Amino acid sequence: MLKPGGLVLYDALNLNCEAGWQRFQWEIEHYRSKASRPIHHSRFATPQEMRRYAENSDLALLYCLEPWAWVQVVATKYPVDCVTEGERQSFAQRIRTQVDPDSLAEMFHVPDR
């Protein structure tokens, strides 16, 4: 559950980044002979997929950050009365100005953005 204006942050290893791709290859080799892969292990995606997750969930995409080997999305939920494209864009822009991407990088504990 996310209230309108609340923030959702999600991330995955970036398959478009060399380090993310190498980690993906390592996971394939490491778990190839095992019966299963633990659910708590990293997930992998491209920035395009991560943006699509927000759009398909009817969230306002605020930022799609690509620091280091990660792709990180910050999104918010539209209010129920925000129905036209103009209203949605205005709402997203208002929330975006209140959220500093550099502060988010610190929250994500990203070494260098």
N, C-alpha and C. Protein backbone atom coordinates (compact mmCIF):
# COMPACT_ATOMS: atom_id res chain seq x y z
N MET A 1 0.85 -1.17 0.00
CA MET A 1 0.00 0.00 0.00
C MET A 1 0.89 1.23 0.00
N LEU A 2 0.55 2.14 -0.86
CA LEU A 2 1.28 3.39 -0.96
C LEU A 2 0.26 4.51 -1.05
N LYS A 3 0.39 5.49 -0.18
CA LYS A 3 -0.56 6.61 -0.24
C LYS A 3 -0.12 7.57 -1.33
N PRO A 4 -1.06 8.33 -1.90
CA PRO A 4 -0.70 9.31 -2.92
C PRO A 4 0.37 10.27 -2.40
N GLY A 5 1.41 10.46 -3.18
CA GLY A 5 2.52 11.32 -2.78
C GLY A 5 3.60 10.58 -2.01
N GLY A 6 3.30 9.34 -1.58
CA GLY A 6 4.32 8.54 -0.91
C GLY A 6 5.35 8.06 -1.92
N LEU A 7 6.54 7.74 -1.44
CA LEU A 7 7.61 7.31 -2.33
C LEU A 7 7.81 5.81 -2.27
N VAL A 8 8.07 5.23 -3.43
CA VAL A 8 8.49 3.84 -3.50
C VAL A 8 9.87 3.86 -4.16
N LEU A 9 10.78 3.09 -3.60
CA LEU A 9 12.13 2.98 -4.13
C LEU A 9 12.41 1.51 -4.37
N TYR A 10 12.86 1.17 -5.57
CA TYR A 10 13.23 -0.20 -5.84
C TYR A 10 14.43 -0.23 -6.76
N ASP A 11 15.21 -1.29 -6.66
CA ASP A 11 16.43 -1.37 -7.46
C ASP A 11 16.72 -2.79 -7.90
N ALA A 12 17.63 -2.89 -8.83
CA ALA A 12 18.11 -4.18 -9.34
C ALA A 12 19.49 -3.93 -9.92
N LEU A 13 20.23 -5.00 -10.07
CA LEU A 13 21.51 -4.86 -10.75
C LEU A 13 21.25 -4.56 -12.22
N ASN A 14 22.01 -3.62 -12.76
CA ASN A 14 21.79 -3.11 -14.10
C ASN A 14 22.46 -4.00 -15.15
N LEU A 15 21.66 -4.67 -15.94
CA LEU A 15 22.19 -5.54 -16.99
C LEU A 15 22.86 -4.76 -18.12
N ASN A 16 22.62 -3.45 -18.21
CA ASN A 16 23.27 -2.63 -19.23
C ASN A 16 24.65 -2.13 -18.80
N CYS A 17 25.01 -2.41 -17.56
CA CYS A 17 26.29 -2.00 -17.01
C CYS A 17 27.22 -3.22 -16.97
N GLU A 18 28.46 -3.04 -17.31
CA GLU A 18 29.40 -4.17 -17.36
C GLU A 18 29.48 -4.92 -16.03
N ALA A 19 29.55 -4.18 -14.92
CA ALA A 19 29.63 -4.83 -13.61
C ALA A 19 28.35 -5.60 -13.30
N GLY A 20 27.20 -5.05 -13.66
CA GLY A 20 25.93 -5.76 -13.45
C GLY A 20 25.86 -7.01 -14.30
N TRP A 21 26.30 -6.90 -15.55
CA TRP A 21 26.29 -8.05 -16.45
C TRP A 21 27.24 -9.14 -15.95
N GLN A 22 28.42 -8.75 -15.49
CA GLN A 22 29.37 -9.74 -14.96
C GLN A 22 28.79 -10.45 -13.73
N ARG A 23 28.09 -9.72 -12.88
CA ARG A 23 27.46 -10.35 -11.71
C ARG A 23 26.38 -11.34 -12.16
N PHE A 24 25.62 -10.97 -13.17
CA PHE A 24 24.61 -11.86 -13.73
C PHE A 24 25.26 -13.16 -14.23
N GLN A 25 26.35 -13.04 -14.97
CA GLN A 25 27.08 -14.21 -15.47
C GLN A 25 27.61 -15.06 -14.32
N TRP A 26 28.11 -14.42 -13.28
CA TRP A 26 28.61 -15.14 -12.11
C TRP A 26 27.49 -15.95 -11.47
N GLU A 27 26.31 -15.33 -11.31
CA GLU A 27 25.17 -16.04 -10.70
C GLU A 27 24.78 -17.25 -11.54
N ILE A 28 24.77 -17.10 -12.85
CA ILE A 28 24.44 -18.24 -13.72
C ILE A 28 25.41 -19.39 -13.47
N GLU A 29 26.70 -19.09 -13.49
CA GLU A 29 27.70 -20.15 -13.29
C GLU A 29 27.64 -20.72 -11.87
N HIS A 30 27.49 -19.85 -10.90
CA HIS A 30 27.50 -20.29 -9.51
C HIS A 30 26.31 -21.21 -9.18
N TYR A 31 25.15 -20.90 -9.73
CA TYR A 31 23.95 -21.67 -9.39
C TYR A 31 23.57 -22.71 -10.45
N ARG A 32 24.36 -22.85 -11.48
CA ARG A 32 24.05 -23.78 -12.56
C ARG A 32 23.84 -25.21 -12.05
N SER A 33 24.67 -25.67 -11.16
CA SER A 33 24.60 -27.06 -10.68
C SER A 33 23.77 -27.21 -9.40
N LYS A 34 23.20 -26.14 -8.93
CA LYS A 34 22.40 -26.20 -7.70
C LYS A 34 20.91 -26.36 -8.05
N ALA A 35 20.17 -26.92 -7.13
CA ALA A 35 18.75 -27.19 -7.35
C ALA A 35 17.93 -25.89 -7.44
N SER A 36 18.34 -24.88 -6.68
CA SER A 36 17.59 -23.61 -6.71
C SER A 36 18.52 -22.46 -6.34
N ARG A 37 18.04 -21.28 -6.60
CA ARG A 37 18.76 -20.06 -6.27
C ARG A 37 18.02 -19.39 -5.13
N PRO A 38 18.72 -19.03 -4.04
CA PRO A 38 18.03 -18.41 -2.91
C PRO A 38 17.26 -17.16 -3.33
N ILE A 39 16.08 -16.99 -2.79
CA ILE A 39 15.20 -15.88 -3.18
C ILE A 39 15.77 -14.53 -2.76
N HIS A 40 16.61 -14.49 -1.75
CA HIS A 40 17.14 -13.22 -1.26
C HIS A 40 18.28 -12.68 -2.11
N HIS A 41 18.70 -13.40 -3.13
CA HIS A 41 19.80 -12.91 -3.96
C HIS A 41 19.35 -11.79 -4.88
N SER A 42 20.32 -11.08 -5.39
CA SER A 42 20.06 -9.92 -6.24
C SER A 42 19.19 -10.26 -7.43
N ARG A 43 18.47 -9.26 -7.87
CA ARG A 43 17.66 -9.35 -9.07
C ARG A 43 18.32 -8.48 -10.13
N PHE A 44 18.02 -8.77 -11.37
CA PHE A 44 18.65 -8.08 -12.49
C PHE A 44 17.59 -7.52 -13.42
N ALA A 45 17.87 -6.34 -13.99
CA ALA A 45 16.94 -5.71 -14.93
C ALA A 45 17.70 -4.64 -15.71
N THR A 46 17.04 -4.14 -16.72
CA THR A 46 17.57 -2.99 -17.46
C THR A 46 16.82 -1.74 -17.00
N PRO A 47 17.38 -0.56 -17.24
CA PRO A 47 16.64 0.66 -16.89
C PRO A 47 15.28 0.72 -17.57
N GLN A 48 15.21 0.24 -18.81
CA GLN A 48 13.94 0.26 -19.54
C GLN A 48 12.89 -0.59 -18.83
N GLU A 49 13.29 -1.76 -18.34
CA GLU A 49 12.35 -2.62 -17.60
C GLU A 49 11.89 -1.94 -16.32
N MET A 50 12.82 -1.34 -15.61
CA MET A 50 12.48 -0.70 -14.34
C MET A 50 11.51 0.46 -14.54
N ARG A 51 11.70 1.23 -15.61
CA ARG A 51 10.76 2.31 -15.92
C ARG A 51 9.38 1.73 -16.24
N ARG A 52 9.39 0.64 -16.98
CA ARG A 52 8.13 -0.01 -17.38
C ARG A 52 7.36 -0.52 -16.17
N TYR A 53 8.08 -1.04 -15.16
CA TYR A 53 7.41 -1.50 -13.94
C TYR A 53 6.61 -0.36 -13.32
N ALA A 54 7.22 0.83 -13.25
CA ALA A 54 6.52 1.99 -12.67
C ALA A 54 5.30 2.35 -13.51
N GLU A 55 5.50 2.44 -14.82
CA GLU A 55 4.40 2.81 -15.71
C GLU A 55 3.24 1.81 -15.64
N ASN A 56 3.57 0.53 -15.65
CA ASN A 56 2.53 -0.51 -15.61
C ASN A 56 1.84 -0.58 -14.25
N SER A 57 2.48 -0.04 -13.24
CA SER A 57 1.87 0.00 -11.90
C SER A 57 1.13 1.30 -11.67
N ASP A 58 1.02 2.12 -12.72
CA ASP A 58 0.36 3.42 -12.67
C ASP A 58 0.98 4.33 -11.62
N LEU A 59 2.30 4.31 -11.58
CA LEU A 59 3.05 5.19 -10.69
C LEU A 59 3.69 6.31 -11.50
N ALA A 60 3.91 7.44 -10.86
CA ALA A 60 4.64 8.55 -11.48
C ALA A 60 6.12 8.30 -11.27
N LEU A 61 6.84 8.09 -12.34
CA LEU A 61 8.29 7.89 -12.27
C LEU A 61 8.94 9.23 -11.97
N LEU A 62 9.63 9.32 -10.85
CA LEU A 62 10.31 10.55 -10.49
C LEU A 62 11.75 10.53 -10.96
N TYR A 63 12.44 9.44 -10.67
CA TYR A 63 13.84 9.30 -11.07
C TYR A 63 14.12 7.85 -11.43
N CYS A 64 14.96 7.68 -12.40
CA CYS A 64 15.54 6.38 -12.71
C CYS A 64 17.04 6.61 -12.69
N LEU A 65 17.67 6.25 -11.58
CA LEU A 65 19.10 6.48 -11.37
C LEU A 65 19.89 5.27 -11.81
N GLU A 66 21.05 5.50 -12.36
CA GLU A 66 21.89 4.40 -12.82
C GLU A 66 23.31 4.53 -12.27
N PRO A 67 23.44 4.59 -10.94
CA PRO A 67 24.78 4.69 -10.37
C PRO A 67 25.43 3.31 -10.31
N TRP A 68 26.72 3.30 -10.54
CA TRP A 68 27.50 2.08 -10.40
C TRP A 68 26.85 0.96 -11.19
N ALA A 69 26.64 -0.20 -10.59
CA ALA A 69 26.07 -1.35 -11.30
C ALA A 69 24.58 -1.50 -11.05
N TRP A 70 23.98 -0.49 -10.45
CA TRP A 70 22.56 -0.58 -10.09
C TRP A 70 21.71 0.29 -10.97
N VAL A 71 20.45 -0.08 -11.10
CA VAL A 71 19.44 0.81 -11.64
C VAL A 71 18.41 0.95 -10.52
N GLN A 72 18.10 2.20 -10.17
CA GLN A 72 17.26 2.48 -9.03
C GLN A 72 16.12 3.41 -9.45
N VAL A 73 14.93 3.06 -9.05
CA VAL A 73 13.75 3.84 -9.41
C VAL A 73 13.13 4.45 -8.16
N VAL A 74 12.74 5.70 -8.30
CA VAL A 74 11.98 6.39 -7.28
C VAL A 74 10.69 6.82 -7.96
N ALA A 75 9.57 6.43 -7.39
CA ALA A 75 8.27 6.73 -7.99
C ALA A 75 7.29 7.09 -6.88
N THR A 76 6.16 7.62 -7.29
CA THR A 76 5.11 7.99 -6.34
C THR A 76 3.76 7.59 -6.91
N LYS A 77 2.78 7.55 -6.04
CA LYS A 77 1.42 7.20 -6.45
C LYS A 77 0.65 8.48 -6.74
N TYR A 78 -0.08 8.45 -7.84
CA TYR A 78 -0.94 9.59 -8.20
C TYR A 78 -2.15 9.64 -7.27
N PRO A 79 -2.63 10.86 -6.96
CA PRO A 79 -3.91 10.98 -6.24
C PRO A 79 -5.05 10.50 -7.15
N VAL A 80 -6.13 10.04 -6.59
CA VAL A 80 -7.24 9.52 -7.38
C VAL A 80 -7.87 10.58 -8.28
N ASP A 81 -7.80 11.84 -7.89
CA ASP A 81 -8.40 12.90 -8.71
C ASP A 81 -7.44 13.44 -9.79
N CYS A 82 -6.31 12.83 -9.92
CA CYS A 82 -5.29 13.23 -10.89
C CYS A 82 -5.45 12.33 -12.12
N VAL A 83 -6.31 12.73 -13.05
CA VAL A 83 -6.66 11.82 -14.14
C VAL A 83 -6.14 12.23 -15.52
N THR A 84 -6.04 13.53 -15.78
CA THR A 84 -5.56 13.93 -17.10
C THR A 84 -4.03 13.86 -17.14
N GLU A 85 -3.49 13.78 -18.32
CA GLU A 85 -2.03 13.73 -18.47
C GLU A 85 -1.38 14.99 -17.91
N GLY A 86 -2.00 16.14 -18.14
CA GLY A 86 -1.47 17.39 -17.61
C GLY A 86 -1.44 17.42 -16.09
N GLU A 87 -2.52 16.94 -15.46
CA GLU A 87 -2.57 16.88 -13.99
C GLU A 87 -1.50 15.94 -13.46
N ARG A 88 -1.34 14.82 -14.13
CA ARG A 88 -0.34 13.84 -13.69
C ARG A 88 1.08 14.39 -13.83
N GLN A 89 1.36 15.05 -14.93
CA GLN A 89 2.69 15.62 -15.13
C GLN A 89 2.96 16.72 -14.10
N SER A 90 1.97 17.54 -13.84
CA SER A 90 2.12 18.61 -12.85
C SER A 90 2.38 18.04 -11.45
N PHE A 91 1.60 17.01 -11.09
CA PHE A 91 1.77 16.37 -9.79
C PHE A 91 3.17 15.77 -9.67
N ALA A 92 3.61 15.01 -10.68
CA ALA A 92 4.93 14.37 -10.65
C ALA A 92 6.03 15.42 -10.54
N GLN A 93 5.91 16.51 -11.27
CA GLN A 93 6.92 17.55 -11.21
C GLN A 93 6.98 18.19 -9.83
N ARG A 94 5.82 18.41 -9.21
CA ARG A 94 5.78 19.00 -7.87
C ARG A 94 6.49 18.08 -6.86
N ILE A 95 6.22 16.78 -6.92
CA ILE A 95 6.87 15.84 -6.01
C ILE A 95 8.37 15.74 -6.33
N ARG A 96 8.71 15.72 -7.61
CA ARG A 96 10.12 15.61 -8.03
C ARG A 96 10.95 16.75 -7.45
N THR A 97 10.40 17.95 -7.38
CA THR A 97 11.16 19.09 -6.85
C THR A 97 11.40 18.95 -5.35
N GLN A 98 10.65 18.08 -4.68
CA GLN A 98 10.81 17.88 -3.24
C GLN A 98 11.77 16.73 -2.92
N VAL A 99 12.20 16.00 -3.95
CA VAL A 99 13.04 14.82 -3.74
C VAL A 99 14.39 15.06 -4.41
N ASP A 100 15.45 15.07 -3.62
CA ASP A 100 16.79 15.32 -4.14
C ASP A 100 17.48 14.00 -4.50
N PRO A 101 17.85 13.80 -5.79
CA PRO A 101 18.46 12.53 -6.18
C PRO A 101 19.80 12.27 -5.48
N ASP A 102 20.54 13.31 -5.11
CA ASP A 102 21.81 13.08 -4.39
C ASP A 102 21.55 12.52 -3.00
N SER A 103 20.49 13.01 -2.34
CA SER A 103 20.12 12.45 -1.03
C SER A 103 19.68 11.00 -1.17
N LEU A 104 19.00 10.70 -2.27
CA LEU A 104 18.56 9.32 -2.50
C LEU A 104 19.76 8.40 -2.68
N ALA A 105 20.78 8.87 -3.37
CA ALA A 105 21.98 8.06 -3.55
C ALA A 105 22.60 7.72 -2.20
N GLU A 106 22.57 8.68 -1.27
CA GLU A 106 23.07 8.41 0.08
C GLU A 106 22.21 7.38 0.79
N MET A 107 20.88 7.47 0.63
CA MET A 107 19.99 6.50 1.27
C MET A 107 20.23 5.10 0.71
N PHE A 108 20.53 5.02 -0.59
CA PHE A 108 20.81 3.74 -1.22
C PHE A 108 22.22 3.24 -0.91
N HIS A 109 23.03 4.07 -0.27
CA HIS A 109 24.42 3.74 0.04
C HIS A 109 25.22 3.44 -1.23
N VAL A 110 25.05 4.28 -2.21
CA VAL A 110 25.75 4.14 -3.48
C VAL A 110 27.12 4.80 -3.34
N PRO A 111 28.20 4.10 -3.70
CA PRO A 111 29.55 4.68 -3.55
C PRO A 111 29.75 5.95 -4.38
N ASP A 112 29.46 5.90 -5.66
CA ASP A 112 29.61 7.07 -6.54
C ASP A 112 28.46 7.11 -7.51
N ARG A 113 27.85 8.26 -7.66
CA ARG A 113 26.73 8.40 -8.57
C ARG A 113 27.19 9.00 -9.86
